[in-house]
Amino acid sequence: MRAVALHEDVLVLESRVWRTTCTVVRGGEECFVIDSPVLPDEIELLPAVLEQSGFVLSGLLATHGDWDHLLGRLAFGGAALGVAETTAARLRAQPGAAQRSLRDFDERFYLSRPSALALGQVEPLAVPGYCGLGDHELELHPAAGHTVDGMAIWAPWLGLLVCGDYLSPVEIPTVGAGVGEYLATLARLEPLVANATHVVPGHGGVIDGETAMAVLAEDRAYLEALRSDGESARLPRGRRDSEQRRLHAENVAQLS
């Protein structure tokens, strides 16, 4: 697991699998962990990383309900988990889905964990809306398209955007909830990206605002081509490997 300090109040951890990101944001004496690393040893190290960095946990946030973003509870079992109202609804409608997906992943790669994932009570957050962090407020913006649920988290005093599974420099858009919803999310993110110093996508590590704006433009062009041209849509530059072609085939199937 790779750790990068973007600011004295911001730490980003990048998992060794899928380059999944976990962002720690502090405001005064309070600190939120947003999303999670994936591998068991990374989860085990997370409390120590926070302690060594001087971050005192106040709670967990998850950008959306995909299982690989919900594993903070394995590191901090008693912590509150805040999610968008849409994510809370998704988790209620699919009880046990995250746990089953985690179990399938662990069995596939022969991994063991000291305890099972227990999401317990989640705290639905109004989105669009705000979430207090010390003397500051995080802005919560709707982010559907990749999935039916989710939120992007904007810390304006830091110029920091944590956007879940959008604007990835390593992964093409995947449209589980439709191309139109995804394009609408990109439109909402665009003014935030224009004012961002750092953008943390769910996969691929930290990028600056200028790079994120370029990714946004490429993603928009790909999605528009996907809608008009289907299978023949050209993949974004730098994201044309075999895994991205597989994801593209899933997108095409989603349209049919």
C-alpha atoms as a PDB file:
ATOM      1  CA  MET A   1       0.000   0.000   0.000  1.00  0.00           C
ATOM      2  CA  ARG A   2       1.293   3.413  -1.012  1.00  0.00           C
ATOM      3  CA  ALA A   3       0.654   6.490   1.148  1.00  0.00           C
ATOM      4  CA  VAL A   4       0.886  10.089  -0.086  1.00  0.00           C
ATOM      5  CA  ALA A   5       0.429  13.209   2.050  1.00  0.00           C
ATOM      6  CA  LEU A   6      -1.206  15.895  -0.098  1.00  0.00           C
ATOM      7  CA  HIS A   7      -1.464  18.372   2.766  1.00  0.00           C
ATOM      8  CA  GLU A   8      -0.939  18.266   6.514  1.00  0.00           C
ATOM      9  CA  ASP A   9      -4.653  17.409   6.729  1.00  0.00           C
ATOM     10  CA  VAL A  10      -4.952  15.023   3.769  1.00  0.00           C
ATOM     11  CA  LEU A  11      -3.523  11.539   3.366  1.00  0.00           C
ATOM     12  CA  VAL A  12      -4.259   9.266   0.389  1.00  0.00           C
ATOM     13  CA  LEU A  13      -3.609   5.528   0.523  1.00  0.00           C
ATOM     14  CA  GLU A  14      -3.485   3.475  -2.660  1.00  0.00           C
ATOM     15  CA  SER A  15      -4.171  -0.257  -2.528  1.00  0.00           C
ATOM     16  CA  ARG A  16      -1.999  -2.742  -4.377  1.00  0.00           C
ATOM     17  CA  VAL A  17      -5.094  -4.176  -6.060  1.00  0.00           C
ATOM     18  CA  TRP A  18      -7.043  -2.115  -8.628  1.00  0.00           C
ATOM     19  CA  ARG A  19      -5.176   0.940  -7.286  1.00  0.00           C
ATOM     20  CA  THR A  20      -8.207   1.543  -5.088  1.00  0.00           C
ATOM     21  CA  THR A  21      -7.884   4.754  -3.081  1.00  0.00           C
ATOM     22  CA  CYS A  22      -8.644   5.577   0.522  1.00  0.00           C
ATOM     23  CA  THR A  23      -8.587   9.254   1.529  1.00  0.00           C
ATOM     24  CA  VAL A  24      -8.148  10.587   5.055  1.00  0.00           C
ATOM     25  CA  VAL A  25      -9.294  14.192   5.576  1.00  0.00           C
ATOM     26  CA  ARG A  26      -8.891  16.163   8.782  1.00  0.00           C
ATOM     27  CA  GLY A  27     -10.624  19.311   9.973  1.00  0.00           C
ATOM     28  CA  GLY A  28      -9.437  20.525  13.359  1.00  0.00           C
ATOM     29  CA  GLU A  29      -9.518  17.567  15.724  1.00  0.00           C
ATOM     30  CA  GLU A  30     -11.873  15.529  13.535  1.00  0.00           C
ATOM     31  CA  CYS A  31     -10.979  13.137  10.751  1.00  0.00           C
ATOM     32  CA  PHE A  32     -12.939  11.092   8.211  1.00  0.00           C
ATOM     33  CA  VAL A  33     -11.681   8.040   6.318  1.00  0.00           C
ATOM     34  CA  ILE A  34     -13.291   8.006   2.869  1.00  0.00           C
ATOM     35  CA  ASP A  35     -13.519   4.614   1.108  1.00  0.00           C
ATOM     36  CA  SER A  36     -10.975   1.909   1.896  1.00  0.00           C
ATOM     37  CA  PRO A  37      -7.995  -0.150   0.799  1.00  0.00           C
ATOM     38  CA  VAL A  38      -8.740  -3.736  -0.162  1.00  0.00           C
ATOM     39  CA  LEU A  39      -6.150  -6.315   0.886  1.00  0.00           C
ATOM     40  CA  PRO A  40      -6.175  -7.763   4.420  1.00  0.00           C
ATOM     41  CA  ASP A  41      -2.709  -6.495   5.370  1.00  0.00           C
ATOM     42  CA  GLU A  42      -3.619  -3.002   4.130  1.00  0.00           C
ATOM     43  CA  ILE A  43      -6.766  -2.969   6.253  1.00  0.00           C
ATOM     44  CA  GLU A  44      -4.760  -4.156   9.244  1.00  0.00           C
ATOM     45  CA  LEU A  45      -2.227  -1.340   8.813  1.00  0.00           C
ATOM     46  CA  LEU A  46      -4.810   1.430   8.432  1.00  0.00           C
ATOM     47  CA  PRO A  47      -5.268   2.280  12.153  1.00  0.00           C
ATOM     48  CA  ALA A  48      -1.501   2.426  12.661  1.00  0.00           C
ATOM     49  CA  VAL A  49      -1.051   4.695   9.634  1.00  0.00           C
ATOM     50  CA  LEU A  50      -3.601   7.117  11.057  1.00  0.00           C
ATOM     51  CA  GLU A  51      -2.017   7.037  14.507  1.00  0.00           C
ATOM     52  CA  GLN A  52       1.498   7.617  13.177  1.00  0.00           C
ATOM     53  CA  SER A  53       0.221  10.523  11.061  1.00  0.00           C
ATOM     54  CA  GLY A  54      -1.592  12.138  13.993  1.00  0.00           C
ATOM     55  CA  PHE A  55      -5.117  11.609  12.626  1.00  0.00           C
ATOM     56  CA  VAL A  56      -7.838  10.801  15.173  1.00  0.00           C
ATOM     57  CA  LEU A  57     -10.779   9.016  13.542  1.00  0.00           C
ATOM     58  CA  SER A  58     -14.246  10.551  13.830  1.00  0.00           C
ATOM     59  CA  GLY A  59     -16.036   8.386  11.281  1.00  0.00           C
ATOM     60  CA  LEU A  60     -16.093   6.635   7.926  1.00  0.00           C
ATOM     61  CA  LEU A  61     -17.553   7.778   4.616  1.00  0.00           C
ATOM     62  CA  ALA A  62     -18.080   5.704   1.469  1.00  0.00           C
ATOM     63  CA  THR A  63     -18.581   7.271  -1.943  1.00  0.00           C
ATOM     64  CA  HIS A  64     -20.839   4.405  -3.093  1.00  0.00           C
ATOM     65  CA  GLY A  65     -21.926   0.883  -2.274  1.00  0.00           C
ATOM     66  CA  ASP A  66     -19.436  -1.250  -4.228  1.00  0.00           C
ATOM     67  CA  TRP A  67     -17.856  -3.662  -1.765  1.00  0.00           C
ATOM     68  CA  ASP A  68     -14.249  -2.563  -2.318  1.00  0.00           C
ATOM     69  CA  HIS A  69     -15.131   0.897  -0.979  1.00  0.00           C
ATOM     70  CA  LEU A  70     -16.884  -0.365   2.184  1.00  0.00           C
ATOM     71  CA  LEU A  71     -14.059  -2.110   4.019  1.00  0.00           C
ATOM     72  CA  GLY A  72     -13.277   0.654   6.508  1.00  0.00           C
ATOM     73  CA  ARG A  73     -15.442  -1.180   9.025  1.00  0.00           C
ATOM     74  CA  LEU A  74     -12.912  -4.038   9.030  1.00  0.00           C
ATOM     75  CA  ALA A  75     -10.310  -1.608  10.373  1.00  0.00           C
ATOM     76  CA  PHE A  76     -12.618   0.443  12.591  1.00  0.00           C
ATOM     77  CA  GLY A  77     -15.445  -1.837  13.623  1.00  0.00           C
ATOM     78  CA  GLY A  78     -17.191   0.604  15.915  1.00  0.00           C
ATOM     79  CA  ALA A  79     -17.006   3.649  13.672  1.00  0.00           C
ATOM     80  CA  ALA A  80     -20.053   5.301  12.142  1.00  0.00           C
ATOM     81  CA  LEU A  81     -20.348   4.803   8.375  1.00  0.00           C
ATOM     82  CA  GLY A  82     -21.881   7.683   6.442  1.00  0.00           C
ATOM     83  CA  VAL A  83     -23.199   7.129   2.919  1.00  0.00           C
ATOM     84  CA  ALA A  84     -25.494   8.910   0.491  1.00  0.00           C
ATOM     85  CA  GLU A  85     -29.186   8.195   0.934  1.00  0.00           C
ATOM     86  CA  THR A  86     -29.073   6.388  -2.419  1.00  0.00           C
ATOM     87  CA  THR A  87     -26.292   4.125  -1.135  1.00  0.00           C
ATOM     88  CA  ALA A  88     -28.169   3.397   2.077  1.00  0.00           C
ATOM     89  CA  ALA A  89     -31.177   2.408  -0.031  1.00  0.00           C
ATOM     90  CA  ARG A  90     -28.998   0.187  -2.214  1.00  0.00           C
ATOM     91  CA  LEU A  91     -27.495  -1.574   0.796  1.00  0.00           C
ATOM     92  CA  ARG A  92     -30.968  -2.162   2.270  1.00  0.00           C
ATOM     93  CA  ALA A  93     -32.238  -3.541  -1.041  1.00  0.00           C
ATOM     94  CA  GLN A  94     -29.230  -5.869  -1.414  1.00  0.00           C
ATOM     95  CA  PRO A  95     -28.566  -7.258   2.074  1.00  0.00           C
ATOM     96  CA  GLY A  96     -25.361  -9.264   2.218  1.00  0.00           C
ATOM     97  CA  ALA A  97     -24.302  -8.415  -1.341  1.00  0.00           C
ATOM     98  CA  ALA A  98     -21.097  -6.638  -0.279  1.00  0.00           C
ATOM     99  CA  GLN A  99     -20.171  -9.495   2.045  1.00  0.00           C
ATOM    100  CA  ARG A 100     -20.736 -12.089  -0.685  1.00  0.00           C
ATOM    101  CA  SER A 101     -18.629 -10.126  -3.180  1.00  0.00           C
ATOM    102  CA  LEU A 102     -15.824  -9.802  -0.632  1.00  0.00           C
ATOM    103  CA  ARG A 103     -15.985 -13.521   0.123  1.00  0.00           C
ATOM    104  CA  ASP A 104     -15.815 -14.361  -3.602  1.00  0.00           C
ATOM    105  CA  PHE A 105     -12.791 -12.079  -4.026  1.00  0.00           C
ATOM    106  CA  ASP A 106     -11.000 -13.593  -1.029  1.00  0.00           C
ATOM    107  CA  GLU A 107     -11.696 -17.155  -2.145  1.00  0.00           C
ATOM    108  CA  ARG A 108     -10.467 -16.403  -5.663  1.00  0.00           C
ATOM    109  CA  PHE A 109      -7.119 -15.131  -4.365  1.00  0.00           C
ATOM    110  CA  TYR A 110      -6.808 -17.455  -1.325  1.00  0.00           C
ATOM    111  CA  LEU A 111      -7.015 -14.581   1.133  1.00  0.00           C
ATOM    112  CA  SER A 112      -8.102 -14.809   4.746  1.00  0.00           C
ATOM    113  CA  ARG A 113      -9.287 -12.067   7.070  1.00  0.00           C
ATOM    114  CA  PRO A 114      -9.465 -12.035  10.863  1.00  0.00           C
ATOM    115  CA  SER A 115     -13.153 -11.094  10.851  1.00  0.00           C
ATOM    116  CA  ALA A 116     -16.149 -10.881   8.559  1.00  0.00           C
ATOM    117  CA  LEU A 117     -17.396  -7.590   7.162  1.00  0.00           C
ATOM    118  CA  ALA A 118     -20.248  -6.211   9.259  1.00  0.00           C
ATOM    119  CA  LEU A 119     -21.740  -3.009   7.884  1.00  0.00           C
ATOM    120  CA  GLY A 120     -24.265  -2.729  10.686  1.00  0.00           C
ATOM    121  CA  GLN A 121     -26.092   0.567  10.937  1.00  0.00           C
ATOM    122  CA  VAL A 122     -25.187   3.046   8.216  1.00  0.00           C
ATOM    123  CA  GLU A 123     -25.956   6.747   8.426  1.00  0.00           C
ATOM    124  CA  PRO A 124     -27.798   8.081   5.350  1.00  0.00           C
ATOM    125  CA  LEU A 125     -26.610  11.536   4.319  1.00  0.00           C
ATOM    126  CA  ALA A 126     -28.684  13.977   2.317  1.00  0.00           C
ATOM    127  CA  VAL A 127     -27.114  14.491  -1.112  1.00  0.00           C
ATOM    128  CA  PRO A 128     -26.782  17.168  -2.319  1.00  0.00           C
ATOM    129  CA  GLY A 129     -25.874  18.404   1.118  1.00  0.00           C
ATOM    130  CA  TYR A 130     -23.126  19.022   3.630  1.00  0.00           C
ATOM    131  CA  CYS A 131     -21.232  17.085   6.265  1.00  0.00           C
ATOM    132  CA  GLY A 132     -19.454  18.932   9.064  1.00  0.00           C
ATOM    133  CA  LEU A 133     -15.768  18.314   9.682  1.00  0.00           C
ATOM    134  CA  GLY A 134     -14.373  20.411  12.502  1.00  0.00           C
ATOM    135  CA  ASP A 135     -14.881  24.059  11.604  1.00  0.00           C
ATOM    136  CA  HIS A 136     -15.394  23.153   7.935  1.00  0.00           C
ATOM    137  CA  GLU A 137     -18.073  21.510   5.831  1.00  0.00           C
ATOM    138  CA  LEU A 138     -17.645  18.855   3.189  1.00  0.00           C
ATOM    139  CA  GLU A 139     -19.935  19.324   0.205  1.00  0.00           C
ATOM    140  CA  LEU A 140     -21.723  16.166  -0.951  1.00  0.00           C
ATOM    141  CA  HIS A 141     -22.669  15.974  -4.640  1.00  0.00           C
ATOM    142  CA  PRO A 142     -24.789  13.296  -6.377  1.00  0.00           C
ATOM    143  CA  ALA A 143     -22.742  10.811  -8.388  1.00  0.00           C
ATOM    144  CA  ALA A 144     -24.765   8.143 -10.169  1.00  0.00           C
ATOM    145  CA  GLY A 145     -23.961   6.495 -13.478  1.00  0.00           C
ATOM    146  CA  HIS A 146     -21.207   4.077 -12.570  1.00  0.00           C
ATOM    147  CA  THR A 147     -23.756   2.672 -10.128  1.00  0.00           C
ATOM    148  CA  VAL A 148     -27.280   3.719  -9.201  1.00  0.00           C
ATOM    149  CA  ASP A 149     -26.019   5.373  -6.031  1.00  0.00           C
ATOM    150  CA  GLY A 150     -23.231   7.489  -4.702  1.00  0.00           C
ATOM    151  CA  MET A 151     -21.715  10.858  -3.949  1.00  0.00           C
ATOM    152  CA  ALA A 152     -18.629  12.886  -4.706  1.00  0.00           C
ATOM    153  CA  ILE A 153     -17.064  14.711  -1.766  1.00  0.00           C
ATOM    154  CA  TRP A 154     -15.671  18.230  -2.170  1.00  0.00           C
ATOM    155  CA  ALA A 155     -13.490  19.878   0.490  1.00  0.00           C
ATOM    156  CA  PRO A 156     -13.414  23.470  -0.786  1.00  0.00           C
ATOM    157  CA  TRP A 157     -10.923  24.804   1.766  1.00  0.00           C
ATOM    158  CA  LEU A 158      -8.421  22.201   0.528  1.00  0.00           C
ATOM    159  CA  GLY A 159      -9.292  22.218  -3.181  1.00  0.00           C
ATOM    160  CA  LEU A 160      -9.807  18.455  -2.785  1.00  0.00           C
ATOM    161  CA  LEU A 161     -12.327  16.369  -4.742  1.00  0.00           C
ATOM    162  CA  VAL A 162     -12.864  12.707  -3.798  1.00  0.00           C
ATOM    163  CA  CYS A 163     -15.085  11.468  -6.599  1.00  0.00           C
ATOM    164  CA  GLY A 164     -15.495   7.705  -6.219  1.00  0.00           C
ATOM    165  CA  ASP A 165     -15.343   5.666  -9.421  1.00  0.00           C
ATOM    166  CA  TYR A 166     -15.198   8.632 -11.802  1.00  0.00           C
ATOM    167  CA  LEU A 167     -12.301  10.420 -13.534  1.00  0.00           C
ATOM    168  CA  SER A 168      -9.962   7.459 -13.262  1.00  0.00           C
ATOM    169  CA  PRO A 169      -6.751   7.789 -15.282  1.00  0.00           C
ATOM    170  CA  VAL A 170      -6.449   3.984 -15.479  1.00  0.00           C
ATOM    171  CA  GLU A 171     -10.029   2.747 -15.959  1.00  0.00           C
ATOM    172  CA  ILE A 172     -12.667   3.627 -18.537  1.00  0.00           C
ATOM    173  CA  PRO A 173     -16.154   4.689 -17.402  1.00  0.00           C
ATOM    174  CA  THR A 174     -18.375   1.726 -16.582  1.00  0.00           C
ATOM    175  CA  VAL A 175     -22.055   2.504 -16.920  1.00  0.00           C
ATOM    176  CA  GLY A 176     -23.935   0.313 -14.486  1.00  0.00           C
ATOM    177  CA  ALA A 177     -26.707   2.917 -14.200  1.00  0.00           C
ATOM    178  CA  GLY A 178     -26.655   4.245 -17.740  1.00  0.00           C
ATOM    179  CA  VAL A 179     -24.757   6.582 -20.023  1.00  0.00           C
ATOM    180  CA  GLY A 180     -27.104   9.513 -19.425  1.00  0.00           C
ATOM    181  CA  GLU A 181     -26.683   9.333 -15.646  1.00  0.00           C
ATOM    182  CA  TYR A 182     -22.912   9.095 -16.028  1.00  0.00           C
ATOM    183  CA  LEU A 183     -22.768  12.130 -18.327  1.00  0.00           C
ATOM    184  CA  ALA A 184     -24.928  14.082 -15.881  1.00  0.00           C
ATOM    185  CA  THR A 185     -22.469  13.287 -13.098  1.00  0.00           C
ATOM    186  CA  LEU A 186     -19.554  14.452 -15.235  1.00  0.00           C
ATOM    187  CA  ALA A 187     -21.403  17.726 -15.830  1.00  0.00           C
ATOM    188  CA  ARG A 188     -21.857  18.182 -12.067  1.00  0.00           C
ATOM    189  CA  LEU A 189     -18.212  17.367 -11.391  1.00  0.00           C
ATOM    190  CA  GLU A 190     -16.807  19.691 -14.052  1.00  0.00           C
ATOM    191  CA  PRO A 191     -17.020  22.975 -12.078  1.00  0.00           C
ATOM    192  CA  LEU A 192     -15.525  21.245  -9.036  1.00  0.00           C
ATOM    193  CA  VAL A 193     -12.650  19.872 -11.095  1.00  0.00           C
ATOM    194  CA  ALA A 194     -12.049  23.352 -12.517  1.00  0.00           C
ATOM    195  CA  ASN A 195     -11.388  24.585  -8.966  1.00  0.00           C
ATOM    196  CA  ALA A 196      -9.572  21.508  -7.667  1.00  0.00           C
ATOM    197  CA  THR A 197      -5.939  21.311  -6.646  1.00  0.00           C
ATOM    198  CA  HIS A 198      -6.144  17.543  -6.194  1.00  0.00           C
ATOM    199  CA  VAL A 199      -8.662  14.977  -7.443  1.00  0.00           C
ATOM    200  CA  VAL A 200      -8.803  11.484  -5.932  1.00  0.00           C
ATOM    201  CA  PRO A 201     -10.610   8.999  -8.188  1.00  0.00           C
ATOM    202  CA  GLY A 202     -11.630   5.637  -6.771  1.00  0.00           C
ATOM    203  CA  HIS A 203      -8.927   3.902  -8.813  1.00  0.00           C
ATOM    204  CA  GLY A 204      -5.610   5.137 -10.112  1.00  0.00           C
ATOM    205  CA  GLY A 205      -4.136   7.458  -7.510  1.00  0.00           C
ATOM    206  CA  VAL A 206      -4.155  11.215  -7.073  1.00  0.00           C
ATOM    207  CA  ILE A 207      -4.245  13.527 -10.086  1.00  0.00           C
ATOM    208  CA  ASP A 208      -4.161  17.311 -10.331  1.00  0.00           C
ATOM    209  CA  GLY A 209      -7.077  19.399 -11.526  1.00  0.00           C
ATOM    210  CA  GLU A 210      -5.693  19.911 -15.022  1.00  0.00           C
ATOM    211  CA  THR A 211      -5.174  16.176 -15.524  1.00  0.00           C
ATOM    212  CA  ALA A 212      -8.631  15.458 -14.127  1.00  0.00           C
ATOM    213  CA  MET A 213     -10.179  17.915 -16.578  1.00  0.00           C
ATOM    214  CA  ALA A 214      -8.446  16.109 -19.440  1.00  0.00           C
ATOM    215  CA  VAL A 215      -9.736  12.743 -18.151  1.00  0.00           C
ATOM    216  CA  LEU A 216     -13.238  14.210 -17.879  1.00  0.00           C
ATOM    217  CA  ALA A 217     -13.129  15.353 -21.498  1.00  0.00           C
ATOM    218  CA  GLU A 218     -11.901  11.937 -22.646  1.00  0.00           C
ATOM    219  CA  ASP A 219     -14.570  10.163 -20.610  1.00  0.00           C
ATOM    220  CA  ARG A 220     -17.308  12.387 -22.008  1.00  0.00           C
ATOM    221  CA  ALA A 221     -16.126  11.757 -25.577  1.00  0.00           C
ATOM    222  CA  TYR A 222     -16.013   7.996 -24.952  1.00  0.00           C
ATOM    223  CA  LEU A 223     -19.512   7.917 -23.459  1.00  0.00           C
ATOM    224  CA  GLU A 224     -21.004   9.956 -26.282  1.00  0.00           C
ATOM    225  CA  ALA A 225     -19.338   7.626 -28.787  1.00  0.00           C
ATOM    226  CA  LEU A 226     -20.553   4.605 -26.820  1.00  0.00           C
ATOM    227  CA  ARG A 227     -24.110   5.876 -27.045  1.00  0.00           C
ATOM    228  CA  SER A 228     -23.907   6.605 -30.773  1.00  0.00           C
ATOM    229  CA  ASP A 229     -21.476   3.947 -32.038  1.00  0.00           C
ATOM    230  CA  GLY A 230     -21.730   1.122 -29.524  1.00  0.00           C
ATOM    231  CA  GLU A 231     -19.026  -1.498 -29.878  1.00  0.00           C
ATOM    232  CA  SER A 232     -16.972   0.580 -32.331  1.00  0.00           C
ATOM    233  CA  ALA A 233     -16.581   3.490 -29.866  1.00  0.00           C
ATOM    234  CA  ARG A 234     -12.926   4.398 -29.457  1.00  0.00           C
ATOM    235  CA  LEU A 235     -11.509   3.907 -25.973  1.00  0.00           C
ATOM    236  CA  PRO A 236      -9.710   6.813 -24.256  1.00  0.00           C
ATOM    237  CA  ARG A 237      -6.008   7.153 -24.940  1.00  0.00           C
ATOM    238  CA  GLY A 238      -3.909   5.209 -22.450  1.00  0.00           C
ATOM    239  CA  ARG A 239      -6.867   3.045 -21.442  1.00  0.00           C
ATOM    240  CA  ARG A 240      -6.995   0.474 -24.212  1.00  0.00           C
ATOM    241  CA  ASP A 241      -5.507  -2.638 -22.610  1.00  0.00           C
ATOM    242  CA  SER A 242      -7.256  -5.999 -22.463  1.00  0.00           C
ATOM    243  CA  GLU A 243      -9.019  -5.237 -19.173  1.00  0.00           C
ATOM    244  CA  GLN A 244     -10.400  -1.964 -20.521  1.00  0.00           C
ATOM    245  CA  ARG A 245     -11.610  -3.746 -23.657  1.00  0.00           C
ATOM    246  CA  ARG A 246     -13.390  -6.225 -21.388  1.00  0.00           C
ATOM    247  CA  LEU A 247     -15.055  -3.369 -19.506  1.00  0.00           C
ATOM    248  CA  HIS A 248     -16.004  -1.787 -22.818  1.00  0.00           C
ATOM    249  CA  ALA A 249     -17.694  -5.030 -23.869  1.00  0.00           C
ATOM    250  CA  GLU A 250     -19.681  -4.936 -20.609  1.00  0.00           C
ATOM    251  CA  ASN A 251     -20.725  -1.370 -21.352  1.00  0.00           C
ATOM    252  CA  VAL A 252     -21.922  -2.380 -24.808  1.00  0.00           C
ATOM    253  CA  ALA A 253     -23.909  -5.255 -23.319  1.00  0.00           C
ATOM    254  CA  GLN A 254     -25.416  -2.851 -20.771  1.00  0.00           C
ATOM    255  CA  LEU A 255     -26.801  -0.734 -23.619  1.00  0.00           C
ATOM    256  CA  SER A 256     -28.604  -3.638 -25.261  1.00  0.00           C
END
